[in-house]
N, C-alpha and C. Protein backbone atom coordinates (compact mmCIF):
# COMPACT_ATOMS: atom_id res chain seq x y z
N MET A 1 -27.55 -6.00 -50.61
CA MET A 1 -26.71 -7.17 -50.73
C MET A 1 -26.03 -7.44 -49.38
N LYS A 2 -26.01 -8.72 -48.99
CA LYS A 2 -25.35 -9.10 -47.74
C LYS A 2 -23.84 -9.09 -47.91
N LYS A 3 -23.15 -8.71 -46.86
CA LYS A 3 -21.69 -8.80 -46.83
C LYS A 3 -21.30 -10.27 -46.70
N LYS A 4 -20.05 -10.56 -46.99
CA LYS A 4 -19.55 -11.93 -46.92
C LYS A 4 -18.66 -12.13 -45.70
N LEU A 5 -18.87 -13.25 -45.05
CA LEU A 5 -18.00 -13.73 -43.97
C LEU A 5 -17.13 -14.80 -44.59
N ILE A 6 -15.82 -14.56 -44.65
CA ILE A 6 -14.89 -15.51 -45.25
C ILE A 6 -14.09 -16.16 -44.14
N VAL A 7 -14.16 -17.49 -44.06
CA VAL A 7 -13.44 -18.22 -43.01
C VAL A 7 -12.68 -19.39 -43.61
N SER A 8 -11.57 -19.71 -42.98
CA SER A 8 -10.82 -20.92 -43.33
C SER A 8 -10.27 -21.51 -42.05
N GLY A 9 -10.18 -22.82 -42.02
CA GLY A 9 -9.68 -23.51 -40.84
C GLY A 9 -9.61 -25.01 -41.09
N CYS A 10 -9.53 -25.76 -40.01
CA CYS A 10 -9.39 -27.22 -40.09
C CYS A 10 -10.76 -27.88 -39.91
N SER A 11 -10.79 -29.08 -39.38
CA SER A 11 -12.03 -29.85 -39.26
C SER A 11 -13.08 -29.16 -38.39
N PHE A 12 -12.66 -28.33 -37.44
CA PHE A 12 -13.63 -27.62 -36.62
C PHE A 12 -14.42 -26.60 -37.44
N THR A 13 -13.88 -26.22 -38.59
CA THR A 13 -14.48 -25.22 -39.46
C THR A 13 -15.21 -25.84 -40.64
N GLU A 14 -14.76 -27.00 -41.11
CA GLU A 14 -15.28 -27.60 -42.33
C GLU A 14 -16.79 -27.88 -42.25
N LYS A 15 -17.52 -27.35 -43.21
CA LYS A 15 -18.98 -27.48 -43.22
C LYS A 15 -19.42 -28.93 -43.37
N ASN A 16 -18.73 -29.68 -44.21
CA ASN A 16 -19.14 -31.06 -44.51
C ASN A 16 -18.21 -32.08 -43.85
N TYR A 17 -17.77 -31.80 -42.64
CA TYR A 17 -16.86 -32.68 -41.91
C TYR A 17 -17.45 -34.08 -41.74
N LYS A 18 -16.60 -35.10 -41.95
CA LYS A 18 -16.95 -36.49 -41.68
C LYS A 18 -15.84 -37.08 -40.83
N SER A 19 -16.19 -37.72 -39.76
CA SER A 19 -15.21 -38.30 -38.85
C SER A 19 -14.59 -39.55 -39.47
N ALA A 20 -13.26 -39.58 -39.54
CA ALA A 20 -12.55 -40.75 -40.06
C ALA A 20 -12.59 -41.89 -39.04
N SER A 21 -12.50 -41.54 -37.77
CA SER A 21 -12.47 -42.57 -36.73
C SER A 21 -13.87 -43.08 -36.35
N LEU A 22 -14.88 -42.27 -36.59
CA LEU A 22 -16.27 -42.66 -36.31
C LEU A 22 -17.13 -42.39 -37.54
N PRO A 23 -16.97 -43.18 -38.60
CA PRO A 23 -17.67 -42.88 -39.86
C PRO A 23 -19.19 -42.91 -39.75
N HIS A 24 -19.72 -43.60 -38.77
CA HIS A 24 -21.18 -43.67 -38.59
C HIS A 24 -21.74 -42.42 -37.88
N LEU A 25 -20.88 -41.59 -37.33
CA LEU A 25 -21.30 -40.41 -36.59
C LEU A 25 -21.92 -39.37 -37.53
N ASP A 26 -23.10 -38.91 -37.20
CA ASP A 26 -23.77 -37.87 -37.98
C ASP A 26 -23.17 -36.52 -37.61
N CYS A 27 -22.48 -35.91 -38.55
CA CYS A 27 -21.80 -34.62 -38.31
C CYS A 27 -22.45 -33.49 -39.10
N LEU A 28 -23.72 -33.61 -39.39
CA LEU A 28 -24.39 -32.63 -40.24
C LEU A 28 -24.93 -31.42 -39.48
N TRP A 29 -24.55 -31.25 -38.21
CA TRP A 29 -25.00 -30.07 -37.48
C TRP A 29 -24.34 -28.83 -38.07
N PRO A 30 -24.93 -27.65 -37.89
CA PRO A 30 -24.32 -26.43 -38.41
C PRO A 30 -23.00 -26.14 -37.68
N LYS A 31 -21.98 -25.85 -38.45
CA LYS A 31 -20.67 -25.53 -37.87
C LYS A 31 -20.61 -24.04 -37.53
N TRP A 32 -19.60 -23.65 -36.77
CA TRP A 32 -19.54 -22.28 -36.25
C TRP A 32 -19.57 -21.20 -37.33
N PRO A 33 -18.96 -21.39 -38.52
CA PRO A 33 -19.04 -20.29 -39.51
C PRO A 33 -20.48 -20.01 -39.95
N GLU A 34 -21.26 -21.07 -40.12
CA GLU A 34 -22.65 -20.86 -40.53
C GLU A 34 -23.47 -20.23 -39.40
N LEU A 35 -23.22 -20.64 -38.17
CA LEU A 35 -23.91 -20.04 -37.03
C LEU A 35 -23.57 -18.56 -36.90
N LEU A 36 -22.27 -18.23 -37.04
CA LEU A 36 -21.85 -16.84 -36.95
C LEU A 36 -22.40 -16.03 -38.11
N GLY A 37 -22.37 -16.61 -39.30
CA GLY A 37 -22.92 -15.91 -40.47
C GLY A 37 -24.38 -15.57 -40.29
N ASN A 38 -25.15 -16.49 -39.71
CA ASN A 38 -26.57 -16.22 -39.43
C ASN A 38 -26.72 -15.09 -38.42
N LYS A 39 -25.92 -15.12 -37.36
CA LYS A 39 -25.99 -14.06 -36.33
C LYS A 39 -25.65 -12.69 -36.89
N LEU A 40 -24.66 -12.66 -37.81
CA LEU A 40 -24.20 -11.39 -38.38
C LEU A 40 -24.95 -11.01 -39.66
N ASN A 41 -25.89 -11.87 -40.08
CA ASN A 41 -26.63 -11.66 -41.32
C ASN A 41 -25.69 -11.51 -42.51
N MET A 42 -24.74 -12.45 -42.63
CA MET A 42 -23.77 -12.44 -43.72
C MET A 42 -23.82 -13.75 -44.48
N ASP A 43 -23.48 -13.68 -45.77
CA ASP A 43 -23.28 -14.88 -46.56
C ASP A 43 -21.93 -15.47 -46.18
N VAL A 44 -21.86 -16.79 -46.06
CA VAL A 44 -20.64 -17.44 -45.59
C VAL A 44 -19.88 -18.09 -46.74
N ILE A 45 -18.59 -17.80 -46.81
CA ILE A 45 -17.67 -18.51 -47.68
C ILE A 45 -16.81 -19.33 -46.73
N ASN A 46 -17.11 -20.63 -46.65
CA ASN A 46 -16.43 -21.51 -45.70
C ASN A 46 -15.39 -22.33 -46.46
N LEU A 47 -14.12 -22.06 -46.20
CA LEU A 47 -13.01 -22.72 -46.88
C LEU A 47 -12.38 -23.80 -46.01
N GLY A 48 -13.00 -24.11 -44.88
CA GLY A 48 -12.45 -25.09 -43.95
C GLY A 48 -12.25 -26.45 -44.58
N PHE A 49 -11.19 -27.14 -44.15
CA PHE A 49 -10.85 -28.45 -44.68
C PHE A 49 -10.21 -29.28 -43.58
N SER A 50 -10.74 -30.47 -43.38
CA SER A 50 -10.23 -31.36 -42.33
C SER A 50 -8.75 -31.66 -42.55
N GLY A 51 -7.95 -31.46 -41.53
CA GLY A 51 -6.51 -31.71 -41.61
C GLY A 51 -5.72 -30.53 -42.14
N ALA A 52 -6.38 -29.43 -42.43
CA ALA A 52 -5.70 -28.26 -42.99
C ALA A 52 -4.73 -27.66 -41.98
N GLY A 53 -3.59 -27.26 -42.48
CA GLY A 53 -2.60 -26.57 -41.66
C GLY A 53 -2.69 -25.07 -41.90
N ASN A 54 -1.85 -24.34 -41.20
CA ASN A 54 -1.88 -22.88 -41.30
C ASN A 54 -1.55 -22.37 -42.69
N ARG A 55 -0.69 -23.06 -43.42
CA ARG A 55 -0.35 -22.63 -44.78
C ARG A 55 -1.60 -22.68 -45.68
N TYR A 56 -2.35 -23.79 -45.60
CA TYR A 56 -3.60 -23.91 -46.37
C TYR A 56 -4.57 -22.80 -45.97
N ILE A 57 -4.72 -22.59 -44.68
CA ILE A 57 -5.66 -21.59 -44.18
C ILE A 57 -5.32 -20.21 -44.73
N LEU A 58 -4.06 -19.82 -44.64
CA LEU A 58 -3.63 -18.52 -45.14
C LEU A 58 -3.82 -18.42 -46.65
N GLN A 59 -3.38 -19.43 -47.38
CA GLN A 59 -3.46 -19.39 -48.84
C GLN A 59 -4.89 -19.30 -49.35
N THR A 60 -5.80 -20.09 -48.77
CA THR A 60 -7.19 -20.04 -49.24
C THR A 60 -7.85 -18.70 -48.91
N LEU A 61 -7.49 -18.13 -47.76
CA LEU A 61 -8.04 -16.81 -47.43
C LEU A 61 -7.54 -15.74 -48.40
N ILE A 62 -6.24 -15.76 -48.68
CA ILE A 62 -5.68 -14.77 -49.61
C ILE A 62 -6.35 -14.88 -50.97
N GLU A 63 -6.48 -16.11 -51.48
CA GLU A 63 -7.10 -16.31 -52.79
C GLU A 63 -8.55 -15.84 -52.80
N SER A 64 -9.29 -16.13 -51.74
CA SER A 64 -10.69 -15.73 -51.68
C SER A 64 -10.83 -14.20 -51.57
N ILE A 65 -9.97 -13.60 -50.79
CA ILE A 65 -9.99 -12.13 -50.65
C ILE A 65 -9.68 -11.47 -51.98
N GLU A 66 -8.73 -12.02 -52.72
CA GLU A 66 -8.36 -11.45 -54.02
C GLU A 66 -9.50 -11.57 -55.04
N ARG A 67 -10.29 -12.64 -54.96
CA ARG A 67 -11.39 -12.87 -55.90
C ARG A 67 -12.67 -12.11 -55.55
N THR A 68 -12.79 -11.69 -54.31
CA THR A 68 -14.03 -11.07 -53.84
C THR A 68 -13.91 -9.55 -53.87
N PRO A 69 -14.87 -8.85 -54.49
CA PRO A 69 -14.84 -7.39 -54.45
C PRO A 69 -14.77 -6.89 -53.00
N LYS A 70 -13.90 -5.96 -52.74
CA LYS A 70 -13.64 -5.50 -51.37
C LYS A 70 -14.88 -4.95 -50.67
N ASP A 71 -15.78 -4.32 -51.41
CA ASP A 71 -16.98 -3.77 -50.77
C ASP A 71 -17.98 -4.86 -50.39
N GLU A 72 -17.75 -6.12 -50.79
CA GLU A 72 -18.62 -7.23 -50.43
C GLU A 72 -18.12 -7.98 -49.19
N ILE A 73 -16.90 -7.71 -48.76
CA ILE A 73 -16.33 -8.42 -47.61
C ILE A 73 -16.72 -7.73 -46.32
N GLY A 74 -17.35 -8.50 -45.42
CA GLY A 74 -17.73 -7.97 -44.12
C GLY A 74 -16.75 -8.34 -43.04
N LEU A 75 -16.23 -9.58 -43.11
CA LEU A 75 -15.34 -10.08 -42.05
C LEU A 75 -14.56 -11.27 -42.61
N VAL A 76 -13.29 -11.37 -42.20
CA VAL A 76 -12.44 -12.51 -42.56
C VAL A 76 -11.88 -13.09 -41.28
N ILE A 77 -11.99 -14.43 -41.14
CA ILE A 77 -11.48 -15.10 -39.94
C ILE A 77 -10.58 -16.26 -40.34
N ALA A 78 -9.37 -16.24 -39.81
CA ALA A 78 -8.45 -17.37 -39.95
C ALA A 78 -8.53 -18.16 -38.65
N ALA A 79 -9.06 -19.37 -38.74
CA ALA A 79 -9.14 -20.25 -37.55
C ALA A 79 -7.90 -21.14 -37.57
N TRP A 80 -6.79 -20.59 -37.09
CA TRP A 80 -5.49 -21.27 -37.15
C TRP A 80 -5.57 -22.64 -36.49
N SER A 81 -4.89 -23.59 -37.09
CA SER A 81 -4.95 -24.96 -36.59
C SER A 81 -3.81 -25.28 -35.63
N GLN A 82 -2.83 -24.42 -35.51
CA GLN A 82 -1.68 -24.70 -34.63
C GLN A 82 -1.36 -23.49 -33.79
């Protein structure tokens, strides 16, 4: 079983980011959590959300860590927005 990479952050982290100022811009390229997960051979839990602040980032990581069996967690990254 692959370990899990758990990440949370703002728009730089969000897998399905869409630009509000440039709605026609294609943003479907792989974001850094997916690229890192591939390099580390880990399943990615990407909690990133556009406009997220540090409180959201911390809270979503805590909740995900609590729900995930500890032996399945490989790495946790908080991509602080401020």
